[in-house]
Amino acid sequence: MMGLLAQGGIGLVLLDLTMPHLSGEELLKQVAEQHPETTTIVVSGLNQLETAVRCMKLGAFDYFIKTDDEDRIVGGVLRAVRMKEMQLDYLEMSSRLASGELQHPDAFAAIVTADRAMLNVFAYAEAVAKSPQPLMITGESGVGKELIAQAVHRLSGCRGKLVTVNVAGLDDTVFADTLFGHVRGAFTGADQLRRGMVEEAADGTLFLDEIGDLSIPSQVKLLRLLQEGEFFPLGCDQPRRLKARIIVATHQNLMEKESAGTFRRDLFYRLRTHQIHVPPLRERPGDITLLLDHFLREAAQALVERNLLLPGSWPSFSLCTAFPAMCVSLKLWFTMRSASTATECSPWSHSSRRPDNLSPLQKSPHRPQDRIPLPVLSISPPSVMLLLFLLPRPCIAPTAIRPWRHVCLASPSLL
């Protein structure tokens, strides 16, 4: 046995005290001294308190009698496995965070940043990527929580695929059918077998977005899935095993929802075994210039025939504007379908919001004679509404010359 342990790769040993040539207690002592990283559970036919105490002092994780209930022994083994997983996760996170370097930076290539806080998020995500425990990603809408989930899935080494489910607005029945599937005849209209998203994500990752909107009955089903590692498709009485890693995301404060009684406490603490908080864009203003350059390159590729130039005052304007958490408010300016020639237009001529009403952060020291012509972007009416909603309010003003067809983006020098 000691030879097998010396080869490595063994994390748990079930040890009988009654063995030929060498007593179980002596072998337990050798395992504890030479392989302290290995967990040992003693299973003996001796129902003696003194023997159990000696084994625990020698380093046994638990002590069971062979006549004990089978579920009790299996439960002890599962506890030891979970403890071992937590130890490995801790060691992995400690080594990754201590080094401060990413081993696989290419996994985060889709996220444009140079912020120290975001790099720390990447390091933590890389450290917990291979853990089978649930991962919770929090942050305001639009900060890139799904991009983090995709990076974690790529780093996990899972053979399966990443399956994304937005659970917002799903009632209890639809949630159960979406995740667990159903068998033929489970309900009216169930003419054939349907695999749920849990089975689709087998050997991969199941990403549940907007988990904070989940109803209490659905939370109970998700809790059982995490605790027992099994689920029942609708209309089926045979359990099936969970073979996917669970990642959840939310923009809500689940601690406040738990205090208000709208989110189960046991589910909350089980989901946050590993937790990542993605900071909003306003807390990392240094990334704005990088994002502007990135979106400009994307727009240049989409508009091959045009030469796109970024106004020199845009980066400084962006840094002094109270941008929301969403990067989309930056990206939208660069993703318009076409750009027409510049035209003279006052952004305040048809707007109820005057420069006098702006906050100090939104005002600019530029003089009136420094104003430059404004670019006019030809976009569709739905895009106008989206633009009015997403972009910072002082940046846009509808023009009465070409209603619903053009929006003037105010130059930073006019603010």
Protein backbone atom coordinates (compact mmCIF):
# COMPACT_ATOMS: atom_id res chain seq x y z
CA MET A 1 0.00 0.00 0.00
CA MET A 2 2.79 2.45 0.81
CA GLY A 3 4.23 1.80 -2.63
CA LEU A 4 0.94 2.80 -4.25
CA LEU A 5 0.81 5.98 -2.18
CA ALA A 6 4.38 6.81 -3.19
CA GLN A 7 3.33 6.81 -6.85
CA GLY A 8 0.96 9.70 -6.10
CA GLY A 9 -2.53 10.47 -7.30
CA ILE A 10 -4.33 8.95 -4.27
CA GLY A 11 -6.28 11.38 -2.11
CA LEU A 12 -8.48 9.10 0.04
CA VAL A 13 -7.80 5.77 1.74
CA LEU A 14 -10.37 3.47 3.41
CA LEU A 15 -8.40 1.49 6.00
CA ASP A 16 -9.31 -1.68 7.90
CA LEU A 17 -7.59 -2.11 11.27
CA THR A 18 -7.50 -5.91 11.12
CA MET A 19 -4.90 -6.93 8.50
CA PRO A 20 -2.13 -9.54 8.26
CA HIS A 21 1.58 -8.70 8.80
CA LEU A 22 0.91 -5.09 9.84
CA SER A 23 -1.76 -3.62 12.12
CA GLY A 24 -4.07 -0.96 10.78
CA GLU A 25 -3.04 1.50 13.47
CA GLU A 26 0.64 1.20 12.52
CA LEU A 27 -0.20 1.68 8.84
CA LEU A 28 -2.34 4.71 9.72
CA LYS A 29 0.62 6.22 11.54
CA GLN A 30 2.92 5.69 8.53
CA VAL A 31 0.39 7.24 6.14
CA ALA A 32 0.00 10.30 8.36
CA GLU A 33 3.78 10.77 8.62
CA GLN A 34 4.82 10.08 5.03
CA HIS A 35 1.73 11.24 3.12
CA PRO A 36 -0.04 13.92 5.18
CA GLU A 37 -1.90 15.12 2.07
CA THR A 38 -3.82 11.80 1.94
CA THR A 39 -7.10 11.56 3.85
CA THR A 40 -7.70 8.30 5.73
CA ILE A 41 -11.03 6.89 6.91
CA VAL A 42 -10.94 3.88 9.23
CA VAL A 43 -13.59 1.17 8.72
CA SER A 44 -13.28 -1.50 11.42
CA GLY A 45 -15.24 -4.28 13.03
CA LEU A 46 -14.06 -3.17 16.49
CA ASN A 47 -16.73 -1.18 18.28
CA GLN A 48 -14.37 0.19 20.93
CA LEU A 49 -14.26 3.82 21.96
CA GLU A 50 -10.59 3.68 22.96
CA THR A 51 -9.60 2.35 19.53
CA ALA A 52 -11.58 5.06 17.77
CA VAL A 53 -9.94 7.77 19.90
CA ARG A 54 -6.44 6.44 19.16
CA CYS A 55 -7.13 6.38 15.41
CA MET A 56 -8.40 9.94 15.42
CA LYS A 57 -5.31 11.08 17.30
CA LEU A 58 -3.12 9.30 14.73
CA GLY A 59 -4.71 11.39 11.95
CA ALA A 60 -7.83 9.53 10.78
CA PHE A 61 -10.48 11.75 9.19
CA ASP A 62 -13.34 9.57 10.50
CA TYR A 63 -14.00 6.18 12.13
CA PHE A 64 -16.82 3.83 11.14
CA ILE A 65 -17.99 0.42 12.31
CA LYS A 66 -18.63 -2.13 9.58
CA THR A 67 -22.11 -2.68 10.94
CA ASP A 68 -22.99 1.02 10.55
CA ASP A 69 -25.68 2.06 8.13
CA GLU A 70 -24.40 2.23 4.57
CA ASP A 71 -25.68 5.78 4.05
CA ARG A 72 -23.66 6.94 7.06
CA ILE A 73 -20.45 5.52 5.63
CA VAL A 74 -21.15 6.95 2.16
CA GLY A 75 -21.90 10.33 3.74
CA GLY A 76 -18.55 10.27 5.52
CA VAL A 77 -16.75 9.50 2.27
CA LEU A 78 -18.51 12.37 0.51
CA ARG A 79 -17.53 14.77 3.30
CA ALA A 80 -13.92 13.69 2.96
CA VAL A 81 -14.04 14.20 -0.83
CA ARG A 82 -15.50 17.70 -0.43
CA MET A 83 -12.86 18.57 2.15
CA LYS A 84 -10.16 17.38 -0.22
CA GLU A 85 -11.59 19.47 -3.05
CA MET A 86 -11.63 22.56 -0.84
CA GLN A 87 -8.00 21.99 0.13
CA LEU A 88 -6.96 21.67 -3.50
CA ASP A 89 -8.92 24.82 -4.41
CA TYR A 90 -7.24 26.74 -1.60
CA LEU A 91 -3.77 25.63 -2.64
CA GLU A 92 -4.47 26.49 -6.27
CA MET A 93 -5.80 29.95 -5.41
CA SER A 94 -2.91 30.66 -3.04
CA SER A 95 -0.28 29.81 -5.64
CA ARG A 96 -2.01 31.73 -8.45
CA LEU A 97 -2.68 34.86 -6.40
CA ALA A 98 0.79 34.84 -4.87
CA SER A 99 2.46 34.70 -8.27
CA GLY A 100 0.30 37.53 -9.63
CA GLU A 101 0.72 36.25 -13.19
CA LEU A 102 -1.79 34.63 -15.52
CA GLN A 103 -0.83 31.26 -16.92
CA HIS A 104 -3.43 31.48 -19.70
CA PRO A 105 -3.98 35.17 -20.54
CA ASP A 106 -5.38 34.21 -23.94
CA ALA A 107 -8.53 32.94 -22.22
CA PHE A 108 -9.40 36.56 -21.35
CA ALA A 109 -8.59 38.01 -24.78
CA ALA A 110 -12.22 39.04 -25.31
CA ILE A 111 -12.04 41.43 -22.32
CA VAL A 112 -10.20 44.69 -23.04
CA THR A 113 -8.63 46.01 -19.84
CA ALA A 114 -5.41 47.04 -18.16
CA ASP A 115 -6.97 47.75 -14.77
CA ARG A 116 -5.33 46.15 -11.75
CA ALA A 117 -8.67 45.17 -10.21
CA MET A 118 -9.71 43.37 -13.41
CA LEU A 119 -6.37 41.56 -13.59
CA ASN A 120 -6.98 40.36 -10.02
CA VAL A 121 -10.39 39.11 -11.15
CA PHE A 122 -8.70 37.20 -13.97
CA ALA A 123 -6.20 35.64 -11.56
CA TYR A 124 -8.97 34.47 -9.22
CA ALA A 125 -11.07 33.16 -12.12
CA GLU A 126 -8.09 31.19 -13.41
CA ALA A 127 -7.46 29.76 -9.94
CA VAL A 128 -11.03 28.47 -9.44
CA ALA A 129 -11.67 27.45 -13.06
CA LYS A 130 -11.00 23.75 -12.46
CA SER A 131 -12.99 23.58 -9.21
CA PRO A 132 -16.23 21.56 -9.40
CA GLN A 133 -17.86 23.88 -6.86
CA PRO A 134 -20.39 26.56 -7.94
CA LEU A 135 -19.13 29.99 -9.00
CA MET A 136 -21.11 33.21 -8.55
CA ILE A 137 -20.32 36.25 -10.72
CA THR A 138 -21.75 39.58 -9.57
CA GLY A 139 -21.65 43.04 -11.10
CA GLU A 140 -23.86 45.65 -12.71
CA SER A 141 -25.54 45.06 -16.04
CA GLY A 142 -23.15 45.25 -18.96
CA VAL A 143 -19.84 44.79 -17.13
CA GLY A 144 -19.04 41.50 -18.87
CA LYS A 145 -20.17 38.76 -16.48
CA GLU A 146 -20.89 36.36 -19.34
CA LEU A 147 -17.42 36.97 -20.79
CA ILE A 148 -15.94 35.96 -17.43
CA ALA A 149 -18.08 32.80 -17.43
CA GLN A 150 -16.88 31.94 -20.93
CA ALA A 151 -13.25 32.40 -19.87
CA VAL A 152 -13.74 30.18 -16.81
CA HIS A 153 -15.28 27.49 -19.01
CA ARG A 154 -12.33 27.61 -21.42
CA LEU A 155 -9.89 27.29 -18.52
CA SER A 156 -11.80 24.47 -16.82
CA GLY A 157 -10.64 21.86 -19.29
CA CYS A 158 -14.17 20.41 -19.49
CA ARG A 159 -14.89 18.32 -22.56
CA GLY A 160 -18.50 19.48 -22.77
CA LYS A 161 -19.88 22.79 -23.97
CA LEU A 162 -21.00 25.94 -22.19
CA VAL A 163 -24.80 26.13 -21.98
CA THR A 164 -26.28 29.53 -21.09
CA VAL A 165 -29.77 29.93 -19.63
CA ASN A 166 -31.33 33.28 -18.68
CA VAL A 167 -33.69 32.38 -15.85
CA ALA A 168 -35.26 35.85 -15.54
CA GLY A 169 -39.02 35.63 -15.97
CA LEU A 170 -39.21 31.82 -15.90
CA ASP A 171 -41.99 30.47 -13.70
CA ASP A 172 -41.51 27.28 -11.70
CA THR A 173 -42.84 24.89 -14.36
CA VAL A 174 -40.94 26.46 -17.25
CA PHE A 175 -37.77 26.58 -15.16
CA ALA A 176 -38.02 22.87 -14.32
CA ASP A 177 -38.76 21.92 -17.93
CA THR A 178 -35.93 24.11 -19.25
CA LEU A 179 -33.30 22.76 -16.87
CA PHE A 180 -34.42 19.18 -16.31
CA GLY A 181 -36.38 18.36 -19.47
CA HIS A 182 -39.32 15.96 -19.64
CA VAL A 183 -40.26 12.50 -20.81
CA ARG A 184 -42.90 11.67 -23.35
CA GLY A 185 -46.39 12.05 -21.93
CA ALA A 186 -45.29 14.12 -18.94
CA PHE A 187 -48.00 16.68 -19.71
CA THR A 188 -50.40 17.62 -22.47
CA GLY A 189 -48.40 18.33 -25.61
CA ALA A 190 -45.29 16.41 -24.50
CA ASP A 191 -45.20 14.19 -27.58
CA GLN A 192 -41.52 13.32 -27.37
CA LEU A 193 -38.58 13.19 -24.99
CA ARG A 194 -36.82 16.50 -24.37
CA ARG A 195 -33.39 16.79 -22.81
CA GLY A 196 -32.97 19.61 -20.33
CA MET A 197 -30.14 22.11 -20.24
CA VAL A 198 -28.50 20.20 -17.36
CA GLU A 199 -28.07 17.18 -19.62
CA GLU A 200 -27.03 19.34 -22.56
CA ALA A 201 -24.22 20.73 -20.39
CA ALA A 202 -22.96 17.26 -19.35
CA ASP A 203 -19.18 17.26 -18.87
CA GLY A 204 -19.28 21.02 -19.44
CA THR A 205 -20.60 24.16 -17.78
CA LEU A 206 -24.15 25.33 -17.08
CA PHE A 207 -24.32 29.14 -16.84
CA LEU A 208 -27.47 30.50 -15.17
CA ASP A 209 -27.78 34.24 -15.79
CA GLU A 210 -29.96 36.62 -13.73
CA ILE A 211 -30.18 34.13 -10.86
CA GLY A 212 -31.49 36.89 -8.58
CA ASP A 213 -34.85 36.83 -10.41
CA LEU A 214 -35.47 33.15 -9.62
CA SER A 215 -38.69 32.37 -7.73
CA ILE A 216 -38.65 30.61 -4.35
CA PRO A 217 -40.08 27.30 -5.71
CA SER A 218 -37.42 27.28 -8.44
CA GLN A 219 -34.74 28.06 -5.86
CA VAL A 220 -35.73 24.89 -3.97
CA LYS A 221 -35.22 22.80 -7.12
CA LEU A 222 -31.84 24.41 -7.81
CA LEU A 223 -30.78 23.83 -4.19
CA ARG A 224 -31.58 20.13 -4.43
CA LEU A 225 -29.64 19.91 -7.68
CA LEU A 226 -26.57 21.37 -5.95
CA GLN A 227 -26.91 19.46 -2.69
CA GLU A 228 -27.76 16.01 -3.98
CA GLY A 229 -26.16 16.26 -7.40
CA GLU A 230 -29.24 14.76 -9.01
CA PHE A 231 -32.50 15.83 -10.67
CA PHE A 232 -35.76 14.40 -11.97
CA PRO A 233 -37.01 15.22 -15.49
CA LEU A 234 -40.72 16.08 -15.54
CA GLY A 235 -42.77 12.89 -15.58
CA CYS A 236 -39.83 10.67 -14.59
CA ASP A 237 -39.30 8.99 -11.21
CA GLN A 238 -35.72 7.91 -11.88
CA PRO A 239 -33.07 10.42 -10.77
CA ARG A 240 -30.29 11.49 -13.09
CA ARG A 241 -26.86 12.71 -12.04
CA LEU A 242 -25.55 16.23 -12.43
CA LYS A 243 -22.39 16.13 -14.57
CA ALA A 244 -21.91 19.86 -15.18
CA ARG A 245 -20.18 22.70 -13.36
CA ILE A 246 -22.64 25.41 -12.25
CA ILE A 247 -21.88 29.11 -12.77
CA VAL A 248 -24.46 31.77 -11.88
CA ALA A 249 -24.52 35.54 -12.43
CA THR A 250 -26.62 38.41 -11.16
CA HIS A 251 -26.63 42.19 -11.08
CA GLN A 252 -28.68 42.22 -7.87
CA ASN A 253 -27.51 42.28 -4.25
CA LEU A 254 -28.39 38.75 -3.15
CA MET A 255 -27.42 39.49 0.44
CA GLU A 256 -30.14 42.14 0.61
CA LYS A 257 -32.62 39.79 -1.07
CA GLU A 258 -31.72 37.07 1.44
CA SER A 259 -32.31 39.49 4.33
CA ALA A 260 -35.66 40.47 2.79
CA GLY A 261 -36.68 36.80 2.51
CA THR A 262 -36.86 36.71 -1.29
CA PHE A 263 -33.78 34.54 -1.72
CA ARG A 264 -33.04 31.37 0.24
CA ARG A 265 -30.12 31.65 2.63
CA ASP A 266 -28.95 28.05 2.15
CA LEU A 267 -28.92 28.46 -1.65
CA PHE A 268 -27.12 31.81 -1.40
CA TYR A 269 -24.24 30.41 0.65
CA ARG A 270 -23.98 27.30 -1.50
CA LEU A 271 -23.79 29.35 -4.70
CA ARG A 272 -21.09 31.66 -3.38
CA THR A 273 -18.55 28.92 -2.69
CA HIS A 274 -16.46 30.89 -5.17
CA GLN A 275 -17.45 34.47 -5.93
CA ILE A 276 -16.20 37.05 -8.45
CA HIS A 277 -17.27 40.69 -8.49
CA VAL A 278 -16.67 42.54 -11.77
CA PRO A 279 -16.13 46.28 -11.16
CA PRO A 280 -18.13 48.72 -13.32
CA LEU A 281 -16.50 50.87 -15.96
CA ARG A 282 -16.79 54.06 -13.88
CA GLU A 283 -14.45 52.49 -11.28
CA ARG A 284 -11.77 51.80 -13.90
CA PRO A 285 -11.63 54.95 -16.06
CA GLY A 286 -8.23 53.97 -17.41
CA ASP A 287 -9.93 51.32 -19.55
CA ILE A 288 -12.06 53.84 -21.42
CA THR A 289 -9.28 54.88 -23.80
CA LEU A 290 -8.44 51.22 -24.48
CA LEU A 291 -12.10 50.47 -25.21
CA LEU A 292 -12.35 53.48 -27.53
CA ASP A 293 -9.38 52.22 -29.54
CA HIS A 294 -10.79 48.68 -29.60
CA PHE A 295 -14.25 49.78 -30.76
CA LEU A 296 -12.68 52.06 -33.36
CA ARG A 297 -10.80 49.11 -34.86
CA GLU A 298 -14.02 47.08 -34.91
CA ALA A 299 -15.85 49.91 -36.68
CA ALA A 300 -13.00 50.30 -39.18
CA GLN A 301 -13.26 46.60 -40.06
CA ALA A 302 -17.02 46.88 -40.53
CA LEU A 303 -16.71 50.05 -42.66
CA VAL A 304 -13.89 48.92 -44.87
CA GLU A 305 -14.27 51.72 -47.35
CA ARG A 306 -14.09 54.49 -44.79
CA ASN A 307 -11.21 55.99 -42.81
CA LEU A 308 -12.35 56.42 -39.23
CA LEU A 309 -10.55 58.92 -37.04
CA LEU A 310 -11.13 59.39 -33.33
CA PRO A 311 -11.46 63.08 -32.32
CA GLY A 312 -8.52 63.99 -30.14
CA SER A 313 -10.72 65.33 -27.36
CA TRP A 314 -12.88 62.18 -27.05
CA PRO A 315 -10.63 60.31 -24.57
CA SER A 316 -10.44 63.29 -22.20
CA PHE A 317 -14.18 63.82 -22.62
CA SER A 318 -14.85 60.17 -21.80
CA LEU A 319 -12.75 60.31 -18.66
CA CYS A 320 -14.67 63.26 -17.24
CA THR A 321 -18.13 61.93 -18.13
CA ALA A 322 -20.12 59.91 -15.61
CA PHE A 323 -20.37 56.76 -17.73
CA PRO A 324 -22.57 53.98 -16.37
CA ALA A 325 -21.33 50.46 -15.75
CA MET A 326 -22.05 49.38 -19.32
CA CYS A 327 -19.33 49.33 -21.93
CA VAL A 328 -22.13 49.33 -24.53
CA SER A 329 -22.58 53.08 -24.10
CA LEU A 330 -19.06 53.46 -25.44
CA LYS A 331 -19.40 50.84 -28.15
CA LEU A 332 -22.60 52.19 -29.64
CA TRP A 333 -20.94 55.30 -31.03
CA PHE A 334 -18.63 53.11 -33.11
CA THR A 335 -21.17 50.56 -34.32
CA MET A 336 -23.40 52.81 -36.41
CA ARG A 337 -23.94 51.59 -39.95
CA SER A 338 -22.52 54.58 -41.77
CA ALA A 339 -21.08 58.00 -41.14
CA SER A 340 -21.98 60.99 -43.26
CA THR A 341 -20.05 64.17 -43.72
CA ALA A 342 -19.66 66.57 -40.84
CA THR A 343 -22.24 69.28 -40.47
CA GLU A 344 -22.73 72.33 -38.33
CA CYS A 345 -25.44 71.80 -35.73
CA SER A 346 -25.93 73.00 -32.19
CA PRO A 347 -26.68 70.17 -29.82
CA TRP A 348 -28.70 72.41 -27.58
CA SER A 349 -30.98 74.05 -30.14
CA HIS A 350 -33.67 71.40 -29.79
CA SER A 351 -32.88 70.02 -26.35
CA SER A 352 -34.48 70.98 -23.06
CA ARG A 353 -31.26 70.21 -21.23
CA ARG A 354 -29.01 73.28 -21.39
CA PRO A 355 -25.30 73.40 -20.52
CA ASP A 356 -26.20 75.49 -17.48
CA ASN A 357 -28.00 72.50 -16.00
CA LEU A 358 -25.00 70.16 -16.30
CA SER A 359 -23.07 68.93 -13.31
CA PRO A 360 -19.46 70.13 -12.87
CA LEU A 361 -18.14 66.81 -14.16
CA GLN A 362 -20.08 67.20 -17.40
CA LYS A 363 -18.99 70.79 -18.13
CA SER A 364 -15.93 71.52 -20.20
CA PRO A 365 -13.48 74.43 -20.01
CA HIS A 366 -13.38 74.78 -23.80
CA ARG A 367 -14.28 78.20 -25.18
CA PRO A 368 -17.11 78.73 -27.72
CA GLN A 369 -14.64 79.62 -30.50
CA ASP A 370 -12.99 76.19 -30.06
CA ARG A 371 -16.12 74.34 -31.16
CA ILE A 372 -15.81 71.99 -34.12
CA PRO A 373 -18.36 70.59 -36.58
CA LEU A 374 -20.38 67.65 -35.33
CA PRO A 375 -20.47 64.23 -37.01
CA VAL A 376 -23.97 63.18 -38.03
CA LEU A 377 -24.64 59.43 -38.04
CA SER A 378 -27.38 57.95 -40.21
CA ILE A 379 -29.23 55.37 -38.15
CA SER A 380 -32.69 53.81 -38.03
CA PRO A 381 -35.49 54.95 -35.65
CA PRO A 382 -35.03 51.96 -33.26
CA SER A 383 -31.34 52.78 -33.04
CA VAL A 384 -32.24 56.36 -32.17
CA MET A 385 -34.26 55.23 -29.20
CA LEU A 386 -31.49 52.89 -28.12
CA LEU A 387 -28.95 55.67 -28.49
CA LEU A 388 -31.04 58.09 -26.44
CA PHE A 389 -31.30 55.47 -23.72
CA LEU A 390 -27.71 54.28 -23.55
CA LEU A 391 -25.45 57.24 -24.26
CA PRO A 392 -24.75 59.89 -21.61
CA ARG A 393 -27.58 62.43 -21.88
CA PRO A 394 -25.45 65.53 -22.63
CA CYS A 395 -23.85 63.79 -25.62
CA ILE A 396 -26.95 63.58 -27.82
CA ALA A 397 -29.68 65.79 -29.13
CA PRO A 398 -32.27 65.06 -31.83
CA THR A 399 -32.19 67.45 -34.76
CA ALA A 400 -35.35 68.81 -36.29
CA ILE A 401 -33.82 68.97 -39.76
CA ARG A 402 -33.97 65.21 -40.39
CA PRO A 403 -36.22 63.76 -37.66
CA TRP A 404 -35.78 60.06 -36.76
CA ARG A 405 -33.02 59.65 -39.32
CA HIS A 406 -30.06 61.43 -37.83
CA VAL A 407 -28.68 62.09 -34.36
CA CYS A 408 -25.98 64.67 -33.72
CA LEU A 409 -23.27 63.53 -31.38
CA ALA A 410 -22.03 66.62 -29.59
CA SER A 411 -18.33 67.26 -29.74
CA PRO A 412 -16.66 67.27 -26.33
CA SER A 413 -15.62 70.87 -26.94
CA LEU A 414 -19.28 71.89 -26.87
CA LEU A 415 -19.88 70.57 -23.34
